[in-house]
Amino acid sequence: MRNRTTTGLMSMVAAAVLAVGLPPGTAVAHDDGHGRGGDSDKSDDWRKSSEQRKLVRTLRSVTADYHRLQNAIDDGYEKASECVEKADGSGAMGFHYLKKDLLDDKTQARKPEVLVYMPNDHGRMKLVAVEFLSTAADAPEIAGLEFEKGPFPDSWALHAWVWKDNPDGMFAAYNPDHSCPK
């Protein structure tokens, strides 16, 4: 059973992302967008850590059924944002789908709170990343990766580009190869 704080935070997520109707290009999310996937910005740095390799394998396994967006929706993920892009257009995250039942102060590799989609060349939504979203009092970490400030007060976030290469790194917030549809 959720406490009032978690329920209030879920309302804040909805208010901040859905009710405000953030336009594409409005980056409500996440610190400076550089992620904390290691000392380098190379996209394969995660391969140097066995914990991170295991995390990526787990995330790919538990999200494989969500390549089809309808499967994610059927499982309780709801659209939580329009396309999120850096204000200067130098990268984007995508469209966020949140499973509200998972939003709390826990971080579980097998239960990412958010799925991130981008349209492919044919306009069909494609799963590109997952995002851990936490309401923990202090910055959580998983597989040696510390979360960054999240999209609303008292939240923490960590992206994992498990289905799309990201030149800035597997765990960077934004992907410079992405831009929001106009």
N, C-alpha and C. Protein backbone atom coordinates (compact mmCIF):
# COMPACT_ATOMS: atom_id res chain seq x y z
N MET A 1 0.84 -1.18 0.00
CA MET A 1 0.00 0.00 0.00
C MET A 1 0.87 1.24 0.00
N ARG A 2 0.55 2.21 -0.80
CA ARG A 2 1.34 3.43 -0.92
C ARG A 2 0.99 4.40 0.20
N ASN A 3 2.02 5.13 0.64
CA ASN A 3 1.75 6.16 1.62
C ASN A 3 1.37 7.45 0.92
N ARG A 4 0.97 8.45 1.70
CA ARG A 4 0.52 9.71 1.10
C ARG A 4 1.62 10.42 0.35
N THR A 5 2.87 10.31 0.82
CA THR A 5 3.97 10.97 0.13
C THR A 5 4.13 10.42 -1.28
N THR A 6 4.12 9.11 -1.42
CA THR A 6 4.25 8.52 -2.75
C THR A 6 3.07 8.89 -3.63
N THR A 7 1.87 8.85 -3.07
CA THR A 7 0.70 9.24 -3.83
C THR A 7 0.81 10.69 -4.27
N GLY A 8 1.29 11.55 -3.37
CA GLY A 8 1.49 12.96 -3.71
C GLY A 8 2.52 13.14 -4.80
N LEU A 9 3.59 12.38 -4.74
CA LEU A 9 4.63 12.47 -5.77
C LEU A 9 4.12 11.99 -7.11
N MET A 10 3.30 10.93 -7.10
CA MET A 10 2.72 10.46 -8.36
C MET A 10 1.85 11.56 -8.96
N SER A 11 1.12 12.26 -8.12
CA SER A 11 0.31 13.37 -8.61
C SER A 11 1.19 14.47 -9.19
N MET A 12 2.34 14.71 -8.53
CA MET A 12 3.27 15.73 -9.03
C MET A 12 3.81 15.34 -10.40
N VAL A 13 4.09 14.05 -10.58
CA VAL A 13 4.57 13.60 -11.89
C VAL A 13 3.52 13.90 -12.94
N ALA A 14 2.31 13.51 -12.65
CA ALA A 14 1.23 13.76 -13.60
C ALA A 14 1.05 15.24 -13.84
N ALA A 15 1.09 16.03 -12.76
CA ALA A 15 0.91 17.48 -12.90
C ALA A 15 2.05 18.10 -13.68
N ALA A 16 3.26 17.69 -13.36
CA ALA A 16 4.42 18.30 -14.00
C ALA A 16 4.56 17.92 -15.45
N VAL A 17 4.16 16.71 -15.78
CA VAL A 17 4.41 16.23 -17.13
C VAL A 17 3.16 16.22 -18.00
N LEU A 18 2.06 15.77 -17.47
CA LEU A 18 0.86 15.67 -18.29
C LEU A 18 0.01 16.94 -18.26
N ALA A 19 -0.38 17.37 -17.07
CA ALA A 19 -1.32 18.47 -16.96
C ALA A 19 -0.76 19.77 -17.50
N VAL A 20 0.52 19.99 -17.33
CA VAL A 20 1.13 21.22 -17.81
C VAL A 20 1.18 21.21 -19.33
N GLY A 21 1.16 20.03 -19.90
CA GLY A 21 1.18 19.92 -21.36
C GLY A 21 2.49 20.42 -21.91
N LEU A 22 3.58 19.94 -21.38
CA LEU A 22 4.89 20.41 -21.81
C LEU A 22 5.07 20.21 -23.31
N PRO A 23 5.49 21.25 -23.99
CA PRO A 23 5.71 21.11 -25.43
C PRO A 23 6.98 20.35 -25.73
N PRO A 24 7.05 19.75 -26.92
CA PRO A 24 8.30 19.11 -27.31
C PRO A 24 9.43 20.13 -27.21
N GLY A 25 10.58 19.68 -26.76
CA GLY A 25 11.72 20.57 -26.63
C GLY A 25 11.87 21.10 -25.23
N THR A 26 10.88 20.89 -24.35
CA THR A 26 10.98 21.36 -22.99
C THR A 26 11.61 20.25 -22.16
N ALA A 27 12.81 20.48 -21.72
CA ALA A 27 13.50 19.46 -20.94
C ALA A 27 13.21 19.67 -19.47
N VAL A 28 12.24 18.93 -18.94
CA VAL A 28 11.92 19.01 -17.54
C VAL A 28 12.83 18.11 -16.75
N ALA A 29 13.53 17.29 -17.45
CA ALA A 29 14.18 16.20 -16.77
C ALA A 29 15.68 16.40 -16.65
N HIS A 30 16.13 16.02 -15.57
CA HIS A 30 17.40 15.41 -15.29
C HIS A 30 18.65 16.23 -15.50
N ASP A 31 19.05 16.86 -14.51
CA ASP A 31 20.39 17.39 -14.32
C ASP A 31 20.97 17.95 -15.61
N ASP A 32 22.23 17.63 -15.90
CA ASP A 32 22.90 18.21 -17.06
C ASP A 32 22.89 17.31 -18.28
N GLY A 33 22.30 16.12 -18.16
CA GLY A 33 22.16 15.23 -19.30
C GLY A 33 23.40 14.43 -19.64
N HIS A 34 24.37 14.40 -18.75
CA HIS A 34 25.58 13.67 -19.08
C HIS A 34 25.65 12.27 -18.50
N GLY A 35 24.70 11.90 -17.68
CA GLY A 35 24.70 10.54 -17.14
C GLY A 35 25.97 10.26 -16.36
N ARG A 36 26.05 9.12 -15.74
CA ARG A 36 27.22 8.81 -14.94
C ARG A 36 27.71 7.42 -15.27
N GLY A 37 27.85 7.15 -16.53
CA GLY A 37 28.22 5.82 -16.96
C GLY A 37 29.70 5.54 -16.95
N GLY A 38 30.50 6.37 -16.32
CA GLY A 38 31.93 6.14 -16.25
C GLY A 38 32.69 7.42 -16.49
N ASP A 39 34.01 7.33 -16.50
CA ASP A 39 34.85 8.51 -16.67
C ASP A 39 34.92 8.96 -18.11
N SER A 40 34.52 8.13 -19.03
CA SER A 40 34.59 8.44 -20.44
C SER A 40 33.18 8.62 -20.99
N ASP A 41 33.08 9.24 -22.15
CA ASP A 41 31.76 9.38 -22.75
C ASP A 41 31.54 8.37 -23.88
N LYS A 42 32.32 7.34 -23.95
CA LYS A 42 32.17 6.33 -25.00
C LYS A 42 30.97 5.46 -24.72
N SER A 43 30.28 5.09 -25.78
CA SER A 43 29.03 4.36 -25.63
C SER A 43 29.20 2.95 -25.08
N ASP A 44 30.39 2.39 -25.12
CA ASP A 44 30.54 1.01 -24.64
C ASP A 44 31.27 0.92 -23.29
N ASP A 45 31.37 2.01 -22.55
CA ASP A 45 32.01 1.97 -21.24
C ASP A 45 31.37 0.97 -20.29
N TRP A 46 30.08 0.77 -20.43
CA TRP A 46 29.37 -0.14 -19.54
C TRP A 46 29.87 -1.57 -19.66
N ARG A 47 30.49 -1.89 -20.76
CA ARG A 47 30.99 -3.26 -20.97
C ARG A 47 32.18 -3.59 -20.07
N LYS A 48 32.78 -2.55 -19.46
CA LYS A 48 33.94 -2.76 -18.60
C LYS A 48 33.55 -3.24 -17.21
N SER A 49 32.29 -3.14 -16.86
CA SER A 49 31.82 -3.51 -15.53
C SER A 49 30.89 -4.71 -15.63
N SER A 50 31.22 -5.78 -14.90
CA SER A 50 30.36 -6.96 -14.95
C SER A 50 28.98 -6.66 -14.37
N GLU A 51 28.91 -5.80 -13.36
CA GLU A 51 27.60 -5.43 -12.79
C GLU A 51 26.74 -4.72 -13.83
N GLN A 52 27.35 -3.83 -14.58
CA GLN A 52 26.60 -3.08 -15.59
C GLN A 52 26.21 -3.96 -16.76
N ARG A 53 27.08 -4.88 -17.16
CA ARG A 53 26.72 -5.83 -18.22
C ARG A 53 25.52 -6.67 -17.79
N LYS A 54 25.53 -7.12 -16.54
CA LYS A 54 24.42 -7.91 -16.02
C LYS A 54 23.14 -7.07 -15.99
N LEU A 55 23.24 -5.81 -15.58
CA LEU A 55 22.08 -4.93 -15.55
C LEU A 55 21.48 -4.77 -16.95
N VAL A 56 22.33 -4.53 -17.94
CA VAL A 56 21.85 -4.36 -19.32
C VAL A 56 21.18 -5.64 -19.82
N ARG A 57 21.77 -6.79 -19.56
CA ARG A 57 21.15 -8.06 -19.96
C ARG A 57 19.78 -8.23 -19.30
N THR A 58 19.71 -7.92 -18.01
CA THR A 58 18.45 -8.03 -17.29
C THR A 58 17.40 -7.10 -17.88
N LEU A 59 17.77 -5.84 -18.12
CA LEU A 59 16.82 -4.87 -18.67
C LEU A 59 16.34 -5.28 -20.05
N ARG A 60 17.24 -5.79 -20.86
CA ARG A 60 16.81 -6.26 -22.19
C ARG A 60 15.84 -7.42 -22.07
N SER A 61 16.10 -8.31 -21.13
CA SER A 61 15.23 -9.46 -20.94
C SER A 61 13.84 -9.05 -20.46
N VAL A 62 13.78 -8.18 -19.46
CA VAL A 62 12.47 -7.84 -18.87
C VAL A 62 11.68 -6.85 -19.72
N THR A 63 12.32 -6.20 -20.69
CA THR A 63 11.59 -5.24 -21.52
C THR A 63 11.39 -5.71 -22.96
N ALA A 64 11.85 -6.89 -23.29
CA ALA A 64 11.75 -7.38 -24.67
C ALA A 64 10.31 -7.38 -25.19
N ASP A 65 9.36 -7.70 -24.34
CA ASP A 65 7.96 -7.72 -24.77
C ASP A 65 7.40 -6.33 -25.04
N TYR A 66 8.09 -5.30 -24.59
CA TYR A 66 7.59 -3.94 -24.73
C TYR A 66 8.04 -3.25 -26.01
N HIS A 67 8.68 -3.98 -26.91
CA HIS A 67 9.00 -3.39 -28.21
C HIS A 67 7.71 -2.94 -28.88
N ARG A 68 6.67 -3.69 -28.65
CA ARG A 68 5.34 -3.30 -29.13
C ARG A 68 4.72 -2.44 -28.03
N LEU A 69 4.53 -1.17 -28.30
CA LEU A 69 4.02 -0.22 -27.32
C LEU A 69 2.73 -0.69 -26.69
N GLN A 70 1.86 -1.30 -27.45
CA GLN A 70 0.58 -1.75 -26.89
C GLN A 70 0.79 -2.74 -25.75
N ASN A 71 1.83 -3.57 -25.82
CA ASN A 71 2.12 -4.50 -24.72
C ASN A 71 2.45 -3.75 -23.44
N ALA A 72 3.20 -2.66 -23.56
CA ALA A 72 3.54 -1.85 -22.38
C ALA A 72 2.28 -1.20 -21.81
N ILE A 73 1.45 -0.67 -22.67
CA ILE A 73 0.20 -0.04 -22.23
C ILE A 73 -0.69 -1.08 -21.55
N ASP A 74 -0.80 -2.26 -22.14
CA ASP A 74 -1.60 -3.33 -21.55
C ASP A 74 -1.08 -3.74 -20.18
N ASP A 75 0.23 -3.56 -19.96
CA ASP A 75 0.85 -3.93 -18.68
C ASP A 75 0.84 -2.79 -17.68
N GLY A 76 0.21 -1.67 -18.01
CA GLY A 76 0.06 -0.59 -17.03
C GLY A 76 0.94 0.63 -17.23
N TYR A 77 1.74 0.65 -18.27
CA TYR A 77 2.54 1.85 -18.55
C TYR A 77 1.65 2.87 -19.23
N GLU A 78 1.71 4.11 -18.74
CA GLU A 78 0.89 5.20 -19.29
C GLU A 78 1.80 6.31 -19.80
N LYS A 79 1.37 6.96 -20.87
CA LYS A 79 2.15 8.07 -21.42
C LYS A 79 2.27 9.16 -20.35
N ALA A 80 3.51 9.54 -20.04
CA ALA A 80 3.78 10.52 -19.00
C ALA A 80 4.39 11.80 -19.54
N SER A 81 4.81 11.79 -20.81
CA SER A 81 5.37 13.01 -21.38
C SER A 81 5.28 12.96 -22.90
N GLU A 82 5.26 14.13 -23.46
CA GLU A 82 5.51 14.25 -24.89
C GLU A 82 7.01 14.03 -25.06
N CYS A 83 7.52 14.21 -26.23
CA CYS A 83 8.94 14.00 -26.47
C CYS A 83 9.76 15.02 -25.69
N VAL A 84 10.73 14.55 -24.93
CA VAL A 84 11.62 15.41 -24.14
C VAL A 84 12.92 15.57 -24.91
N GLU A 85 13.31 16.83 -25.11
CA GLU A 85 14.48 17.17 -25.90
C GLU A 85 15.25 18.27 -25.18
N LYS A 86 16.56 18.30 -25.35
CA LYS A 86 17.35 19.39 -24.79
C LYS A 86 16.89 20.70 -25.43
N ALA A 87 16.91 21.77 -24.65
CA ALA A 87 16.43 23.07 -25.13
C ALA A 87 17.19 23.53 -26.37
N ASP A 88 18.46 23.18 -26.47
CA ASP A 88 19.26 23.62 -27.62
C ASP A 88 19.17 22.66 -28.80
N GLY A 89 18.37 21.60 -28.66
CA GLY A 89 18.18 20.65 -29.75
C GLY A 89 19.33 19.69 -29.97
N SER A 90 20.26 19.63 -29.02
CA SER A 90 21.45 18.78 -29.21
C SER A 90 21.27 17.35 -28.73
N GLY A 91 20.05 16.94 -28.55
CA GLY A 91 19.77 15.57 -28.13
C GLY A 91 18.39 15.47 -27.53
N ALA A 92 17.89 14.26 -27.44
CA ALA A 92 16.56 14.04 -26.88
C ALA A 92 16.54 12.74 -26.10
N MET A 93 15.50 12.60 -25.30
CA MET A 93 15.22 11.35 -24.61
C MET A 93 14.17 10.59 -25.40
N GLY A 94 13.01 11.21 -25.53
CA GLY A 94 11.90 10.58 -26.22
C GLY A 94 10.63 10.73 -25.42
N PHE A 95 9.64 9.88 -25.74
CA PHE A 95 8.35 9.87 -25.08
C PHE A 95 8.43 8.90 -23.91
N HIS A 96 8.04 9.36 -22.73
CA HIS A 96 8.13 8.56 -21.52
C HIS A 96 6.79 7.91 -21.19
N TYR A 97 6.85 6.63 -20.85
CA TYR A 97 5.68 5.87 -20.40
C TYR A 97 5.98 5.35 -19.00
N LEU A 98 5.18 5.76 -18.04
CA LEU A 98 5.40 5.49 -16.62
C LEU A 98 4.44 4.42 -16.13
N LYS A 99 4.95 3.49 -15.34
CA LYS A 99 4.10 2.53 -14.64
C LYS A 99 4.02 3.02 -13.19
N LYS A 100 2.93 3.70 -12.87
CA LYS A 100 2.77 4.38 -11.58
C LYS A 100 2.93 3.44 -10.40
N ASP A 101 2.50 2.19 -10.55
CA ASP A 101 2.60 1.24 -9.45
C ASP A 101 4.04 0.97 -9.02
N LEU A 102 4.99 1.27 -9.88
CA LEU A 102 6.40 1.02 -9.57
C LEU A 102 7.10 2.24 -8.96
N LEU A 103 6.44 3.39 -8.99
CA LEU A 103 7.08 4.62 -8.51
C LEU A 103 7.11 4.63 -6.99
N ASP A 104 8.32 4.49 -6.45
CA ASP A 104 8.53 4.53 -5.00
C ASP A 104 10.01 4.76 -4.74
N ASP A 105 10.45 4.47 -3.52
CA ASP A 105 11.85 4.73 -3.17
C ASP A 105 12.76 3.53 -3.42
N LYS A 106 12.24 2.50 -4.06
CA LYS A 106 13.04 1.30 -4.35
C LYS A 106 13.57 1.34 -5.79
N THR A 107 14.68 0.67 -5.99
CA THR A 107 15.24 0.52 -7.33
C THR A 107 15.44 -0.97 -7.57
N GLN A 108 14.73 -1.49 -8.57
CA GLN A 108 14.81 -2.91 -8.87
C GLN A 108 15.12 -3.10 -10.35
N ALA A 109 16.19 -3.78 -10.64
CA ALA A 109 16.63 -3.96 -12.03
C ALA A 109 15.54 -4.58 -12.90
N ARG A 110 14.73 -5.43 -12.33
CA ARG A 110 13.71 -6.14 -13.11
C ARG A 110 12.41 -5.34 -13.25
N LYS A 111 12.38 -4.13 -12.68
CA LYS A 111 11.15 -3.34 -12.70
C LYS A 111 11.43 -1.87 -12.99
N PRO A 112 11.84 -1.53 -14.20
CA PRO A 112 12.05 -0.12 -14.51
C PRO A 112 10.71 0.63 -14.52
N GLU A 113 10.71 1.80 -13.90
CA GLU A 113 9.49 2.57 -13.77
C GLU A 113 9.03 3.20 -15.08
N VAL A 114 9.97 3.48 -15.97
CA VAL A 114 9.66 4.23 -17.19
C VAL A 114 10.25 3.52 -18.41
N LEU A 115 9.48 3.49 -19.49
CA LEU A 115 9.95 3.03 -20.79
C LEU A 115 10.00 4.25 -21.70
N VAL A 116 11.04 4.37 -22.51
CA VAL A 116 11.22 5.53 -23.38
C VAL A 116 11.14 5.08 -24.84
N TYR A 117 10.29 5.76 -25.60
CA TYR A 117 10.04 5.43 -27.01
C TYR A 117 10.35 6.62 -27.90
N MET A 118 10.75 6.31 -29.13
CA MET A 118 10.90 7.31 -30.19
C MET A 118 10.29 6.72 -31.45
N PRO A 119 9.70 7.58 -32.29
CA PRO A 119 9.15 7.06 -33.54
C PRO A 119 10.28 6.69 -34.51
N ASN A 120 10.08 5.59 -35.24
CA ASN A 120 11.06 5.21 -36.26
C ASN A 120 10.75 5.98 -37.55
N ASP A 121 11.43 5.64 -38.62
CA ASP A 121 11.26 6.34 -39.90
C ASP A 121 9.84 6.23 -40.46
N HIS A 122 9.10 5.23 -40.00
CA HIS A 122 7.73 5.02 -40.48
C HIS A 122 6.69 5.56 -39.49
N GLY A 123 7.15 6.26 -38.44
CA GLY A 123 6.24 6.84 -37.46
C GLY A 123 5.79 5.89 -36.37
N ARG A 124 6.28 4.67 -36.40
CA ARG A 124 5.91 3.68 -35.40
C ARG A 124 6.80 3.84 -34.16
N MET A 125 6.20 3.84 -32.97
CA MET A 125 6.96 4.02 -31.74
C MET A 125 7.87 2.82 -31.48
N LYS A 126 9.12 3.13 -31.20
CA LYS A 126 10.14 2.11 -30.98
C LYS A 126 10.74 2.28 -29.59
N LEU A 127 10.81 1.19 -28.83
CA LEU A 127 11.43 1.22 -27.51
C LEU A 127 12.93 1.45 -27.67
N VAL A 128 13.46 2.49 -27.01
CA VAL A 128 14.88 2.81 -27.14
C VAL A 128 15.62 2.75 -25.81
N ALA A 129 14.91 3.03 -24.72
CA ALA A 129 15.58 3.10 -23.41
C ALA A 129 14.60 2.80 -22.30
N VAL A 130 15.15 2.60 -21.13
CA VAL A 130 14.36 2.52 -19.91
C VAL A 130 14.88 3.59 -18.97
N GLU A 131 14.06 3.94 -18.02
CA GLU A 131 14.49 4.91 -17.02
C GLU A 131 14.05 4.42 -15.65
N PHE A 132 15.00 4.43 -14.73
CA PHE A 132 14.66 4.19 -13.34
C PHE A 132 14.29 5.53 -12.75
N LEU A 133 13.22 5.58 -12.00
CA LEU A 133 12.74 6.80 -11.37
C LEU A 133 12.49 6.46 -9.91
N SER A 134 13.09 7.23 -9.00
CA SER A 134 13.00 6.90 -7.58
C SER A 134 12.64 8.13 -6.76
N THR A 135 11.94 7.87 -5.66
CA THR A 135 11.61 8.92 -4.70
C THR A 135 12.42 8.75 -3.41
N ALA A 136 13.54 8.05 -3.48
CA ALA A 136 14.39 7.83 -2.31
C ALA A 136 14.89 9.17 -1.76
N ALA A 137 15.17 9.21 -0.47
CA ALA A 137 15.66 10.43 0.16
C ALA A 137 17.04 10.83 -0.37
N ASP A 138 17.89 9.85 -0.60
CA ASP A 138 19.23 10.10 -1.13
C ASP A 138 19.36 9.44 -2.49
N ALA A 139 20.31 9.94 -3.29
CA ALA A 139 20.51 9.41 -4.64
C ALA A 139 20.78 7.90 -4.57
N PRO A 140 19.91 7.10 -5.17
CA PRO A 140 20.16 5.66 -5.20
C PRO A 140 21.25 5.33 -6.22
N GLU A 141 21.66 4.10 -6.19
CA GLU A 141 22.57 3.61 -7.22
C GLU A 141 22.23 2.18 -7.53
N ILE A 142 22.60 1.80 -8.74
CA ILE A 142 22.40 0.43 -9.18
C ILE A 142 23.59 0.08 -10.08
N ALA A 143 24.16 -1.07 -9.90
CA ALA A 143 25.31 -1.55 -10.68
C ALA A 143 26.45 -0.52 -10.67
N GLY A 144 26.61 0.17 -9.54
CA GLY A 144 27.69 1.15 -9.42
C GLY A 144 27.39 2.48 -10.10
N LEU A 145 26.17 2.68 -10.56
CA LEU A 145 25.77 3.92 -11.23
C LEU A 145 24.90 4.74 -10.30
N GLU A 146 25.30 5.97 -10.04
CA GLU A 146 24.52 6.85 -9.18
C GLU A 146 23.49 7.60 -10.02
N PHE A 147 22.29 7.70 -9.51
CA PHE A 147 21.22 8.42 -10.19
C PHE A 147 21.50 9.92 -10.16
N GLU A 148 20.90 10.65 -11.08
CA GLU A 148 20.98 12.11 -11.08
C GLU A 148 19.62 12.67 -10.68
N LYS A 149 19.56 13.98 -10.49
CA LYS A 149 18.28 14.60 -10.12
C LYS A 149 17.23 14.29 -11.17
N GLY A 150 16.04 13.99 -10.69
CA GLY A 150 14.95 13.58 -11.57
C GLY A 150 14.09 14.72 -12.07
N PRO A 151 12.98 14.38 -12.71
CA PRO A 151 12.15 15.37 -13.39
C PRO A 151 11.23 16.17 -12.48
N PHE A 152 11.12 15.81 -11.21
CA PHE A 152 10.30 16.57 -10.29
C PHE A 152 11.01 16.61 -8.94
N PRO A 153 10.62 17.54 -8.06
CA PRO A 153 11.31 17.67 -6.77
C PRO A 153 11.38 16.34 -6.02
N ASP A 154 12.50 16.16 -5.36
CA ASP A 154 12.73 14.96 -4.55
C ASP A 154 12.63 13.67 -5.34
N SER A 155 13.10 13.70 -6.57
CA SER A 155 13.14 12.48 -7.37
C SER A 155 14.54 12.30 -7.95
N TRP A 156 14.83 11.07 -8.32
CA TRP A 156 16.11 10.68 -8.89
C TRP A 156 15.84 9.84 -10.13
N ALA A 157 16.74 9.92 -11.12
CA ALA A 157 16.52 9.20 -12.37
C ALA A 157 17.83 8.66 -12.93
N LEU A 158 17.71 7.58 -13.68
CA LEU A 158 18.84 7.00 -14.40
C LEU A 158 18.30 6.34 -15.66
N HIS A 159 18.81 6.76 -16.81
CA HIS A 159 18.43 6.17 -18.08
C HIS A 159 19.37 5.02 -18.44
N ALA A 160 18.88 4.10 -19.22
CA ALA A 160 19.70 3.02 -19.77
C ALA A 160 19.23 2.81 -21.21
N TRP A 161 20.10 3.12 -22.16
CA TRP A 161 19.78 3.03 -23.60
C TRP A 161 20.02 1.60 -24.07
N VAL A 162 19.18 0.68 -23.58
CA VAL A 162 19.39 -0.73 -23.83
C VAL A 162 18.96 -1.19 -25.22
N TRP A 163 18.16 -0.38 -25.92
CA TRP A 163 17.68 -0.78 -27.23
C TRP A 163 18.11 0.17 -28.34
N LYS A 164 18.94 1.15 -28.03
CA LYS A 164 19.42 2.11 -29.04
C LYS A 164 20.80 2.58 -28.61
N ASP A 165 21.75 2.55 -29.53
CA ASP A 165 23.08 3.03 -29.21
C ASP A 165 23.03 4.52 -28.88
N ASN A 166 23.79 4.91 -27.87
CA ASN A 166 23.90 6.31 -27.49
C ASN A 166 25.39 6.68 -27.48
N PRO A 167 25.82 7.54 -28.39
CA PRO A 167 27.24 7.91 -28.44
C PRO A 167 27.75 8.53 -27.14
N ASP A 168 26.86 9.11 -26.35
CA ASP A 168 27.27 9.72 -25.08
C ASP A 168 27.37 8.70 -23.96
N GLY A 169 26.96 7.48 -24.20
CA GLY A 169 27.08 6.44 -23.20
C GLY A 169 25.76 5.76 -22.90
N MET A 170 25.83 4.51 -22.51
CA MET A 170 24.65 3.70 -22.20
C MET A 170 23.76 4.36 -21.17
N PHE A 171 24.35 5.08 -20.19
CA PHE A 171 23.57 5.61 -19.08
C PHE A 171 23.45 7.13 -19.09
N ALA A 172 23.71 7.75 -20.23
CA ALA A 172 23.53 9.19 -20.36
C ALA A 172 22.03 9.50 -20.45
N ALA A 173 21.64 10.66 -19.98
CA ALA A 173 20.22 11.02 -19.98
C ALA A 173 19.70 11.27 -21.39
N TYR A 174 20.44 12.00 -22.20
CA TYR A 174 20.01 12.37 -23.55
C TYR A 174 20.82 11.62 -24.59
N ASN A 175 20.22 11.41 -25.74
CA ASN A 175 20.91 10.77 -26.86
C ASN A 175 21.08 11.82 -27.96
N PRO A 176 22.32 12.17 -28.30
CA PRO A 176 22.55 13.21 -29.32
C PRO A 176 22.09 12.80 -30.70
N ASP A 177 21.84 11.51 -30.94
CA ASP A 177 21.34 11.04 -32.23
C ASP A 177 19.83 11.20 -32.37
N HIS A 178 19.16 11.63 -31.29
CA HIS A 178 17.71 11.79 -31.30
C HIS A 178 17.31 13.25 -31.37
N SER A 179 16.19 13.50 -32.01
CA SER A 179 15.52 14.79 -31.95
C SER A 179 14.02 14.52 -31.98
N CYS A 180 13.29 15.37 -31.34
CA CYS A 180 11.84 15.17 -31.26
C CYS A 180 11.20 15.49 -32.60
N PRO A 181 10.15 14.75 -32.95
CA PRO A 181 9.44 15.03 -34.20
C PRO A 181 8.85 16.44 -34.14
N LYS A 182 8.86 17.08 -35.28
CA LYS A 182 8.32 18.45 -35.35
C LYS A 182 6.93 18.45 -35.87
